[in-house]
Amino acid sequence: MQADAPVVVLASASPRRIEMLRQAGVPHLVYPADIDETPRPGERPEELVVRISRAKAEAVAPRQPTLPVLAADTVVVVAGSTLGKPPHEGAARQMLLLLSGTTHRVLTGYHLRVPRPGGQVEVRERVVETEVEVRPLREADLAAYLATEEWRGKAGAYAIQGRFRCFVRAVHGSHDSVIGLPLCRVLEDLLEAGVLPAGWPAWSP
C-alpha cells in the first residue's frame, strides 16, 4: 500500500472529523453526504444517530465502492429534548439556556461499511455516550458566546474544543465523541476490520 493512498472515505465535511483522522494518521477521502437529518416522531436519540450515520454512509458508498466508508452523527440530549444544529441565533440561545447549569448527554453514532469479496459488506455500528457538565451561564456569557458564531453548525449550539470549553466543568466519557467522532473506538474498529495498514500507528501517511 502506498503511504498516501486513502484507506477510508469519510462521509462528512466536518473540519473536526477530518482533522481527527488526519492527526491519527488515517489517510482518507472526504465525500460529504447531503441527507435529511430531521428526527422522526417519537424517535429516540440513540436511534436517530444510528439512522442518520447509516444513511450518510449508504449515500456515499456508491461513489467509492471499493473503499470502506465511515459516517457519524452527533446530538445533544438535555431535559428530554434532542438538540441538533440550531438554524439561527435565537434557536442557539434557547439551546444554551437549556444547557446552562446542567449535566447533559452527548450521543455520537457512527457507521462503518467495509466492502468484502463477493459483493459482501461488513458493517460496524456503534453509539458512544458522554456526559458534559456545564456551569450556570450568565447573560453576559450567552451574549459573548453567541457573538463568536462558534455555535453555527454545532449540535447543541456549542463546540467543546472552542470557547465553550470555558463553561465546561467536567466531561465524563469520550471528549472526542463530543467533538464529533469517538476516535479511539473508530480506530479499534478500523484495526479489527483490517482497514488500517500494517505498521500503524508508526506508519506515516
Protein backbone atom coordinates (compact mmCIF):
# COMPACT_ATOMS: atom_id res chain seq x y z
CA MET A 1 0.00 0.00 0.00
CA GLN A 2 1.31 3.43 -0.90
CA ALA A 3 1.87 5.68 2.09
CA ASP A 4 -0.51 8.34 0.81
CA ALA A 5 -3.22 6.02 -0.50
CA PRO A 6 -6.61 6.62 1.15
CA VAL A 7 -7.84 3.73 3.29
CA VAL A 8 -11.30 5.07 4.12
CA VAL A 9 -13.92 7.51 2.85
CA LEU A 10 -15.25 9.99 5.41
CA ALA A 11 -18.87 10.81 4.66
CA SER A 12 -18.67 14.22 6.30
CA ALA A 13 -17.43 17.74 5.63
CA SER A 14 -16.86 18.36 9.35
CA PRO A 15 -13.44 20.01 9.83
CA ARG A 16 -13.24 18.43 13.29
CA ARG A 17 -13.71 14.86 12.00
CA ILE A 18 -11.32 15.46 9.11
CA GLU A 19 -8.65 16.80 11.46
CA MET A 20 -9.04 13.93 13.93
CA LEU A 21 -8.45 11.34 11.20
CA ARG A 22 -5.51 13.34 9.88
CA GLN A 23 -3.90 13.57 13.32
CA ALA A 24 -4.41 9.83 13.82
CA GLY A 25 -2.54 9.10 10.59
CA VAL A 26 -5.54 7.72 8.73
CA PRO A 27 -5.39 8.78 5.04
CA HIS A 28 -8.88 9.38 3.77
CA LEU A 29 -11.09 10.90 1.12
CA VAL A 30 -13.87 13.33 2.04
CA TYR A 31 -17.28 12.88 0.44
CA PRO A 32 -19.95 14.91 2.28
CA ALA A 33 -23.40 13.33 2.44
CA ASP A 34 -26.40 15.59 1.87
CA ILE A 35 -29.34 13.93 3.62
CA ASP A 36 -32.38 14.96 5.65
CA GLU A 37 -31.43 14.80 9.34
CA THR A 38 -34.90 15.59 10.70
CA PRO A 39 -35.84 13.33 13.64
CA ARG A 40 -38.85 11.10 13.17
CA PRO A 41 -41.81 11.38 15.57
CA GLY A 42 -41.01 9.50 18.77
CA GLU A 43 -37.52 8.58 17.62
CA ARG A 44 -35.09 8.04 20.49
CA PRO A 45 -31.76 9.93 20.22
CA GLU A 46 -29.82 6.64 20.09
CA GLU A 47 -31.97 5.52 17.16
CA LEU A 48 -31.59 8.89 15.46
CA VAL A 49 -27.78 8.98 15.40
CA VAL A 50 -27.63 5.37 14.17
CA ARG A 51 -30.14 6.01 11.41
CA ILE A 52 -28.51 9.24 10.23
CA SER A 53 -24.97 7.89 10.26
CA ARG A 54 -26.13 4.81 8.35
CA ALA A 55 -27.95 6.96 5.80
CA LYS A 56 -24.85 9.12 5.28
CA ALA A 57 -22.65 6.07 4.68
CA GLU A 58 -25.15 4.46 2.32
CA ALA A 59 -25.47 7.68 0.34
CA VAL A 60 -21.72 7.95 -0.20
CA ALA A 61 -20.78 4.26 -0.63
CA PRO A 62 -21.71 4.03 -4.37
CA ARG A 63 -19.26 6.85 -5.16
CA GLN A 64 -16.28 4.80 -3.89
CA PRO A 65 -17.49 1.17 -3.91
CA THR A 66 -14.06 -0.37 -3.23
CA LEU A 67 -13.20 1.66 -0.13
CA PRO A 68 -14.59 1.47 3.43
CA VAL A 69 -16.94 4.33 4.30
CA LEU A 70 -17.17 5.99 7.73
CA ALA A 71 -20.05 8.27 8.72
CA ALA A 72 -21.07 9.81 12.05
CA ASP A 73 -23.81 11.90 13.61
CA THR A 74 -23.91 13.76 16.93
CA VAL A 75 -26.80 15.06 19.03
CA VAL A 76 -27.11 16.66 22.45
CA VAL A 77 -29.79 15.45 24.87
CA VAL A 78 -30.98 17.59 27.79
CA ALA A 79 -34.21 17.69 29.79
CA GLY A 80 -35.80 15.14 27.48
CA SER A 81 -35.05 17.20 24.36
CA THR A 82 -32.80 16.16 21.49
CA LEU A 83 -30.78 19.11 20.20
CA GLY A 84 -29.32 19.12 16.72
CA LYS A 85 -27.77 22.07 14.90
CA PRO A 86 -29.51 25.40 15.56
CA PRO A 87 -30.92 27.02 12.40
CA HIS A 88 -30.46 30.57 13.73
CA GLU A 89 -29.16 32.56 16.69
CA GLY A 90 -32.48 32.52 18.54
CA ALA A 91 -32.52 28.72 18.49
CA ALA A 92 -28.88 28.65 19.60
CA ARG A 93 -29.71 30.89 22.55
CA GLN A 94 -32.57 28.63 23.64
CA MET A 95 -30.31 25.58 23.44
CA LEU A 96 -27.60 27.24 25.54
CA LEU A 97 -30.19 28.22 28.15
CA LEU A 98 -31.24 24.57 28.38
CA LEU A 99 -27.62 23.51 28.90
CA SER A 100 -26.84 26.19 31.50
CA GLY A 101 -26.17 24.71 34.94
CA THR A 102 -26.92 21.13 33.87
CA THR A 103 -25.23 17.86 33.04
CA HIS A 104 -26.34 16.75 29.61
CA ARG A 105 -25.68 13.78 27.34
CA VAL A 106 -23.89 13.85 24.01
CA LEU A 107 -24.53 10.89 21.72
CA THR A 108 -22.40 10.19 18.67
CA GLY A 109 -23.33 7.31 16.43
CA TYR A 110 -21.02 6.07 13.71
CA HIS A 111 -21.41 3.62 10.86
CA LEU A 112 -18.50 1.83 9.17
CA ARG A 113 -19.08 -0.10 5.93
CA VAL A 114 -16.22 -2.31 4.72
CA PRO A 115 -16.54 -3.95 1.25
CA ARG A 116 -15.63 -7.63 1.18
CA PRO A 117 -15.08 -10.09 -1.70
CA GLY A 118 -18.16 -11.34 -3.49
CA GLY A 119 -20.09 -8.12 -3.04
CA GLN A 120 -20.48 -8.58 0.71
CA VAL A 121 -20.29 -5.64 3.12
CA GLU A 122 -19.12 -5.84 6.74
CA VAL A 123 -20.93 -3.29 8.90
CA ARG A 124 -19.85 -1.94 12.27
CA GLU A 125 -22.22 0.41 14.06
CA ARG A 126 -21.90 1.99 17.50
CA VAL A 127 -23.30 4.73 19.72
CA VAL A 128 -20.96 6.40 22.22
CA GLU A 129 -22.44 8.43 25.09
CA THR A 130 -20.63 11.15 27.05
CA GLU A 131 -21.87 13.35 29.90
CA VAL A 132 -20.93 17.04 29.91
CA GLU A 133 -21.35 19.26 32.97
CA VAL A 134 -21.90 22.96 32.18
CA ARG A 135 -21.68 25.72 34.77
CA PRO A 136 -24.53 28.26 35.02
CA LEU A 137 -24.25 30.78 32.19
CA ARG A 138 -24.69 34.48 32.88
CA GLU A 139 -26.45 36.73 30.41
CA ALA A 140 -23.05 38.21 29.53
CA ASP A 141 -21.71 34.69 28.85
CA LEU A 142 -24.58 33.94 26.48
CA ALA A 143 -24.25 37.20 24.59
CA ALA A 144 -20.47 36.90 24.24
CA TYR A 145 -20.57 33.28 23.11
CA LEU A 146 -23.31 33.88 20.57
CA ALA A 147 -21.27 36.78 19.19
CA THR A 148 -18.40 34.40 18.37
CA GLU A 149 -20.76 32.50 16.00
CA GLU A 150 -18.93 29.35 17.06
CA TRP A 151 -22.35 27.78 17.61
CA ARG A 152 -23.15 27.63 13.89
CA GLY A 153 -23.38 24.09 12.55
CA LYS A 154 -22.81 22.54 16.00
CA ALA A 155 -25.12 20.08 17.74
CA GLY A 156 -26.44 21.71 20.91
CA ALA A 157 -25.11 25.09 19.71
CA TYR A 158 -21.60 24.68 21.07
CA ALA A 159 -18.09 23.48 20.24
CA ILE A 160 -16.36 21.95 23.25
CA GLN A 161 -12.97 22.31 21.55
CA GLY A 162 -13.52 26.06 21.22
CA ARG A 163 -14.51 28.92 23.52
CA PHE A 164 -17.32 26.89 25.09
CA ARG A 165 -14.73 24.82 26.96
CA CYS A 166 -14.52 27.77 29.38
CA PHE A 167 -18.02 26.84 30.59
CA VAL A 168 -17.48 23.08 30.91
CA ARG A 169 -16.76 21.86 34.44
CA ALA A 170 -16.35 18.18 33.60
CA VAL A 171 -16.57 15.62 30.83
CA HIS A 172 -17.42 12.03 31.72
CA GLY A 173 -16.61 9.79 28.77
CA SER A 174 -15.08 10.40 25.36
CA HIS A 175 -14.07 14.02 24.77
CA ASP A 176 -13.51 13.24 21.08
CA SER A 177 -17.08 11.96 20.81
CA VAL A 178 -18.37 15.35 21.97
CA ILE A 179 -16.30 16.97 19.21
CA GLY A 180 -17.95 14.63 16.72
CA LEU A 181 -16.10 11.32 16.44
CA PRO A 182 -15.20 8.79 19.18
CA LEU A 183 -11.76 8.36 17.67
CA CYS A 184 -10.43 5.56 19.87
CA ARG A 185 -13.45 3.32 19.21
CA VAL A 186 -13.36 4.12 15.49
CA LEU A 187 -9.66 3.21 15.30
CA GLU A 188 -10.33 -0.05 17.14
CA ASP A 189 -12.93 -0.97 14.53
CA LEU A 190 -10.67 0.07 11.64
CA LEU A 191 -7.88 -2.12 13.04
CA GLU A 192 -10.13 -5.11 13.68
CA ALA A 193 -11.63 -4.82 10.19
CA GLY A 194 -8.15 -4.77 8.63
CA VAL A 195 -8.65 -1.29 7.17
CA LEU A 196 -5.53 0.31 8.64
CA PRO A 197 -2.20 -0.63 7.03
CA ALA A 198 0.44 -2.81 8.65
CA GLY A 199 2.67 -0.77 10.94
CA TRP A 200 0.02 1.67 12.15
CA PRO A 201 0.37 3.85 14.24
CA ALA A 202 4.12 4.11 13.48
CA TRP A 203 3.19 4.10 9.78
CA SER A 204 3.06 7.65 8.40
CA PRO A 205 0.76 8.75 5.56
